[in-house]
Protein backbone atom coordinates (compact mmCIF):
# COMPACT_ATOMS: atom_id res chain seq x y z
CA UNK A 1 58.91 -42.52 -3.96
CA UNK A 2 57.07 -39.48 -2.36
CA UNK A 3 53.48 -40.46 -1.64
CA UNK A 4 51.09 -37.60 -2.38
CA UNK A 5 47.71 -36.46 0.01
CA UNK A 6 45.75 -38.45 -2.31
CA UNK A 7 47.62 -41.81 -1.79
CA UNK A 8 47.35 -41.15 2.00
CA UNK A 9 43.76 -40.52 1.94
CA UNK A 10 43.37 -43.69 -0.09
CA UNK A 11 45.28 -45.60 2.71
CA UNK A 12 43.11 -44.42 5.02
CA UNK A 13 39.84 -45.64 2.95
CA UNK A 14 41.35 -48.77 2.47
CA UNK A 15 41.78 -49.26 6.14
CA UNK A 16 38.63 -47.89 6.90
CA UNK A 17 37.01 -50.38 4.36
CA UNK A 18 38.66 -53.28 5.64
CA UNK A 19 37.74 -52.53 9.30
CA UNK A 20 33.95 -52.10 8.29
CA UNK A 21 34.10 -55.35 6.13
CA UNK A 22 35.86 -57.69 8.80
CA UNK A 23 33.52 -56.37 11.38
CA UNK A 24 30.16 -56.44 9.47
CA UNK A 25 27.51 -58.89 11.22
CA UNK A 26 29.88 -59.62 14.01
CA UNK A 27 29.03 -58.03 17.76
CA UNK A 28 31.60 -56.67 19.79
CA UNK A 29 32.61 -59.60 21.56
CA UNK A 30 33.10 -61.71 18.33
CA UNK A 31 35.36 -59.10 17.28
CA UNK A 32 37.20 -59.00 20.30
CA UNK A 33 37.61 -62.71 21.27
CA UNK A 34 38.90 -63.11 17.55
CA UNK A 35 42.80 -62.10 18.43
CA UNK A 36 44.06 -62.22 14.84
CA UNK A 37 40.93 -59.58 13.86
CA UNK A 38 41.56 -57.44 16.91
CA UNK A 39 45.25 -57.28 16.01
CA UNK A 40 44.54 -56.58 12.38
CA UNK A 41 41.92 -53.63 13.32
CA UNK A 42 44.52 -52.21 15.86
CA UNK A 43 46.89 -52.43 13.11
CA UNK A 44 44.50 -50.66 10.69
CA UNK A 45 44.04 -47.91 13.54
CA UNK A 46 47.47 -47.22 13.28
CA UNK A 47 48.03 -47.04 9.64
CA UNK A 48 44.89 -44.52 9.68
CA UNK A 49 46.75 -42.50 12.34
CA UNK A 50 50.23 -42.59 10.74
CA UNK A 51 48.99 -41.44 7.09
CA UNK A 52 46.68 -38.95 8.93
CA UNK A 53 49.76 -37.14 10.42
CA UNK A 54 51.29 -36.93 7.04
CA UNK A 55 48.26 -34.84 5.75
CA UNK A 56 47.84 -30.85 6.12
CA UNK A 57 46.15 -29.80 9.14
CA UNK A 58 43.13 -27.99 6.63
CA UNK A 59 42.46 -31.39 5.38
CA UNK A 60 41.78 -32.69 8.48
CA UNK A 61 38.24 -32.18 10.03
CA UNK A 62 38.53 -34.68 12.36
CA UNK A 63 38.96 -34.63 16.12
CA UNK A 64 41.95 -36.65 16.89
CA UNK A 65 40.98 -36.55 20.70
CA UNK A 66 37.86 -38.69 20.00
CA UNK A 67 39.98 -41.10 17.47
CA UNK A 68 42.26 -41.72 20.48
CA UNK A 69 39.23 -42.58 22.74
CA UNK A 70 38.08 -44.82 20.38
CA UNK A 71 41.41 -46.36 20.00
CA UNK A 72 41.88 -46.45 23.64
CA UNK A 73 38.58 -48.06 24.82
CA UNK A 74 39.17 -50.60 21.79
CA UNK A 75 42.86 -51.50 23.14
CA UNK A 76 41.28 -51.87 26.67
CA UNK A 77 38.42 -54.22 25.73
CA UNK A 78 40.49 -56.31 23.37
CA UNK A 79 42.66 -57.02 26.71
CA UNK A 80 39.78 -58.19 28.52
CA UNK A 81 39.49 -61.26 26.06
CA UNK A 82 42.85 -62.68 26.12
CA UNK A 83 44.16 -65.30 23.30
């Protein structure tokens, strides 16, 4: 089954909603110390990245450079709080 652009946008929105919902009311340290949540957020970022790659360039008004900076900072910070 081929997915439409709308399907990919839906996946992106669902992952963003998940991240916002699961981190609401938590500070950065609490998020990083929760190994399961940290891994789930990293996976959500991967899903967002893969879904965005499938969208046409004219639909994307987003700076991938900034996205990967944030993703890299999160991954690096998560490594500071080992399980």
